[in-house]
Protein backbone atom coordinates (compact mmCIF):
# COMPACT_ATOMS: atom_id res chain seq x y z
CA MET A 1 203.33 -35.54 48.47
CA ASP A 2 204.88 -36.19 45.03
CA VAL A 3 201.64 -34.90 43.36
CA PHE A 4 201.59 -31.83 45.54
CA LEU A 5 205.24 -30.94 44.80
CA ASN A 6 204.80 -31.67 41.06
CA THR A 7 201.78 -29.43 40.77
CA PHE A 8 203.47 -26.75 42.92
CA PHE A 9 206.65 -26.53 40.84
CA VAL A 10 204.85 -26.87 37.40
CA LEU A 11 202.59 -24.00 38.14
CA LEU A 12 205.24 -21.87 39.92
CA GLY A 13 207.54 -22.12 36.95
CA ALA A 14 204.78 -21.43 34.47
CA LEU A 15 203.53 -18.42 36.37
CA PHE A 16 207.01 -16.96 36.94
CA SER A 17 207.82 -17.23 33.21
CA VAL A 18 204.48 -15.63 32.17
CA LEU A 19 204.44 -12.92 34.84
CA ASN A 20 208.10 -12.22 34.23
CA PRO A 21 208.76 -9.86 37.22
CA ILE A 22 212.44 -9.51 35.97
CA GLY A 23 211.23 -7.77 32.85
CA ALA A 24 209.12 -5.39 35.01
CA ILE A 25 212.27 -4.09 36.73
CA PRO A 26 213.02 -1.16 34.32
CA ILE A 27 209.44 0.06 34.32
CA PHE A 28 209.19 -0.13 38.17
CA VAL A 29 212.47 1.81 38.49
CA GLY A 30 211.19 4.40 36.05
CA LEU A 31 207.82 4.83 37.79
CA THR A 32 209.38 4.99 41.32
CA GLN A 33 212.57 6.93 40.71
CA ASP A 34 211.26 9.83 42.78
CA TYR A 35 209.95 7.64 45.59
CA SER A 36 211.64 7.10 48.94
CA LYS A 37 212.85 3.64 50.04
CA THR A 38 209.80 3.25 52.30
CA GLU A 39 207.39 4.27 49.54
CA ARG A 40 209.03 1.83 47.19
CA SER A 41 208.66 -1.03 49.73
CA ARG A 42 205.02 -0.07 50.17
CA VAL A 43 204.31 -0.07 46.40
CA SER A 44 206.16 -3.39 46.07
CA LEU A 45 204.10 -5.03 48.84
CA MET A 46 200.76 -3.67 47.49
CA THR A 47 201.61 -4.69 43.90
CA ALA A 48 202.38 -8.34 45.14
CA ILE A 49 199.12 -8.40 47.15
CA ASN A 50 197.11 -7.24 44.13
CA VAL A 51 198.69 -9.72 41.93
CA CYS A 52 198.02 -12.47 44.43
CA ILE A 53 194.32 -11.50 44.61
CA ILE A 54 193.91 -11.15 40.84
CA LEU A 55 195.53 -14.62 40.28
CA LEU A 56 193.43 -16.36 43.09
CA ILE A 57 190.19 -14.97 41.82
CA SER A 58 191.14 -16.09 38.31
CA PHE A 59 192.04 -19.58 39.50
CA PHE A 60 188.89 -20.11 41.63
CA ILE A 61 186.21 -18.15 39.70
CA GLY A 62 187.52 -18.20 36.10
CA GLU A 63 185.67 -21.53 35.41
CA TYR A 64 182.22 -19.97 36.22
CA VAL A 65 183.03 -17.07 33.90
CA LEU A 66 183.76 -19.45 31.13
CA LYS A 67 180.41 -21.26 31.68
CA PHE A 68 178.51 -17.96 31.71
CA PHE A 69 179.88 -16.99 28.29
CA GLY A 70 179.81 -20.51 26.93
CA ILE A 71 183.47 -20.74 26.31
CA THR A 72 184.94 -24.24 26.07
CA ILE A 73 188.25 -25.06 27.85
CA SER A 74 189.81 -25.94 24.51
CA ALA A 75 189.04 -22.56 23.08
CA LEU A 76 190.47 -20.91 26.22
CA ARG A 77 193.61 -22.97 25.94
CA ILE A 78 194.12 -22.01 22.35
CA ALA A 79 193.37 -18.35 23.08
CA GLY A 80 195.52 -18.40 26.20
CA GLY A 81 198.33 -20.20 24.34
CA ILE A 82 198.30 -17.52 21.64
CA LEU A 83 198.37 -14.80 24.29
CA ILE A 84 201.20 -16.41 26.27
CA ALA A 85 203.22 -17.20 23.14
CA SER A 86 202.66 -13.67 21.91
CA SER A 87 203.84 -12.32 25.32
CA GLY A 88 206.98 -14.53 24.96
CA PHE A 89 207.76 -13.18 21.55
CA GLY A 90 207.40 -9.78 23.04
CA LEU A 91 209.99 -10.58 25.64
CA LEU A 92 212.31 -11.83 22.92
CA ASN A 93 212.03 -8.93 20.65
CA ALA A 94 209.95 -5.87 21.69
CA ASN A 95 210.31 -2.87 23.90
CA PRO A 96 209.52 -3.78 27.51
CA LYS A 97 207.03 -1.02 27.90
CA LYS A 98 205.11 -2.03 24.81
CA ARG A 99 205.07 -5.75 25.43
CA LYS A 100 203.45 -5.28 28.81
CA GLY A 101 200.69 -2.92 27.68
CA ILE A 102 202.29 0.13 29.23
CA SER A 103 201.77 2.98 26.74
CA LYS A 104 203.29 6.39 27.18
CA LYS A 105 199.94 7.85 28.15
CA VAL A 106 199.33 5.11 30.80
CA GLU A 107 202.79 5.74 32.20
CA GLU A 108 202.24 9.47 32.49
CA ASP A 109 198.85 9.07 34.06
CA SER A 110 200.28 6.56 36.66
CA LEU A 111 202.78 9.11 37.78
CA ASN A 112 199.84 11.41 38.77
CA ARG A 113 198.10 8.75 40.99
CA ASN A 114 198.52 8.17 44.57
CA SER A 115 199.28 4.55 44.04
CA ILE A 116 200.50 2.67 40.97
CA ALA A 117 200.40 -0.69 42.70
CA LEU A 118 197.15 -1.86 41.15
CA THR A 119 197.54 -0.25 37.66
CA PRO A 120 199.76 -0.31 35.74
CA LEU A 121 202.03 -2.53 37.83
CA ALA A 122 199.69 -5.41 38.98
CA MET A 123 197.57 -5.19 35.92
CA PRO A 124 198.23 -5.33 33.11
CA MET A 125 202.03 -5.36 33.48
CA LEU A 126 202.23 -8.47 35.69
CA ALA A 127 198.86 -10.18 35.98
CA GLY A 128 197.68 -9.98 32.35
CA PRO A 129 195.40 -12.07 30.07
CA GLY A 130 198.09 -14.64 29.61
CA SER A 131 198.52 -15.51 33.35
CA ILE A 132 194.75 -15.40 33.93
CA SER A 133 193.93 -17.72 30.99
CA LEU A 134 196.75 -20.01 32.13
CA LEU A 135 195.29 -20.33 35.61
CA ILE A 136 191.74 -21.01 34.37
CA ALA A 137 192.93 -23.72 32.06
CA PHE A 138 195.26 -25.18 34.79
CA ASN A 139 192.33 -25.38 37.17
CA GLN A 140 190.41 -27.60 34.69
CA ASP A 141 193.14 -30.29 34.91
CA HIS A 142 194.11 -29.83 38.57
CA ASN A 143 191.06 -29.58 40.67
CA SER A 144 191.67 -32.11 43.42
CA THR A 145 192.14 -30.82 46.94
CA THR A 146 195.82 -31.57 46.79
CA ASP A 147 196.17 -29.77 43.44
CA ILE A 148 194.20 -26.75 44.73
CA LEU A 149 196.47 -26.38 47.78
CA ALA A 150 199.55 -26.71 45.72
CA SER A 151 198.28 -24.18 43.19
CA SER A 152 197.29 -21.72 45.87
CA LEU A 153 200.68 -21.95 47.39
CA SER A 154 202.35 -21.44 43.97
CA ILE A 155 200.33 -18.29 43.43
CA MET A 156 201.34 -17.03 46.90
CA ILE A 157 205.08 -17.94 46.45
CA VAL A 158 205.28 -16.36 43.03
CA SER A 159 203.55 -13.17 44.53
CA LEU A 160 206.18 -13.17 47.32
CA LEU A 161 208.95 -13.44 44.62
CA ILE A 162 207.39 -10.44 42.86
CA PHE A 163 207.54 -8.48 46.13
CA LEU A 164 211.17 -9.36 46.69
CA ILE A 165 212.13 -8.62 43.16
CA LEU A 166 210.42 -5.25 42.98
CA ARG A 167 211.63 -4.27 46.33
CA SER A 168 215.15 -4.86 45.12
CA ALA A 169 214.43 -3.34 41.71
CA HIS A 170 216.65 -0.33 41.95
CA TYR A 171 219.61 -2.45 43.26
CA LEU A 172 219.08 -5.16 40.64
CA ALA A 173 218.88 -2.55 37.81
CA LYS A 174 222.28 -1.23 38.87
CA TYR A 175 223.78 -4.70 39.35
CA LEU A 176 222.45 -6.43 36.26
CA GLY A 177 222.40 -3.38 34.01
CA ALA A 178 220.25 -2.94 30.94
CA SER A 179 221.97 -5.79 29.00
CA GLY A 180 221.54 -8.22 31.94
CA ILE A 181 217.82 -7.45 32.34
CA VAL A 182 217.41 -7.91 28.58
CA ALA A 183 219.25 -11.30 28.59
CA ILE A 184 217.22 -12.70 31.45
CA SER A 185 214.03 -11.44 29.76
CA ARG A 186 214.93 -13.19 26.58
CA ILE A 187 215.56 -16.46 28.36
CA VAL A 188 212.24 -16.21 30.25
CA GLY A 189 210.61 -15.20 26.89
CA PHE A 190 211.76 -18.36 25.23
CA LEU A 191 210.30 -20.48 28.05
CA THR A 192 207.04 -18.42 27.82
CA VAL A 193 206.74 -19.16 24.08
CA ALA A 194 207.16 -22.87 24.77
CA ILE A 195 204.47 -22.82 27.40
CA GLY A 196 202.07 -21.06 25.02
CA ILE A 197 202.70 -23.50 22.21
CA GLN A 198 202.36 -26.45 24.56
CA TYR A 199 198.88 -25.10 25.56
CA ILE A 200 197.87 -24.84 21.95
CA ILE A 201 199.09 -28.33 21.18
CA SER A 202 197.21 -29.72 24.21
CA ALA A 203 193.96 -27.97 23.15
CA ILE A 204 194.28 -29.32 19.59
CA LEU A 205 194.97 -32.90 20.75
CA SER A 206 192.02 -32.63 23.12
CA ILE A 207 189.76 -31.56 20.23
CA ILE A 208 191.10 -34.46 18.07
CA ARG A 209 190.34 -37.02 20.72
CA GLY A 210 186.83 -35.76 21.15
CA ILE A 211 185.97 -36.18 17.37
């Protein structure tokens, strides 16, 4: 049980920091400002479901993609660490729309679509390269039955949190204000940078041990 809980909370914290649904609030509010309450709930639910599917696929199938392309886990950890750290620095300093890959053109295009739940909300704004690489690397070190169950539950819980946060986005935006959202994003950004650096350190130590 201790192993299950440890794996569950470690991955839950890491995923929540990297996905950063709090930072997605301003963009969600902007994209759904003309939507009804029912439509916002539907988009929130579909976004969460899409994120969950993307993350589960990454966790279970990502290893085979690496083998197909001949990519080592150490290389993935370094690349993922750089992406995660870069995302964290973006949360600390950059414009929310730029840091999540939401350009002006993408935003304008999304407004003309029937649904924005898959893109740009689920991908790349939430489930991006950083979270995908994190899950693939995490699977390499946590592949027992207990770890897999705990990891799957973490993915589902973080997806549920995304649904709840997006569903309440308009209320949270009014309650927290722009400064509140920025403050929370910067705290999450600092944790995300630390996670990325830790992945890079782990990969370098693994390479050194193998020499």
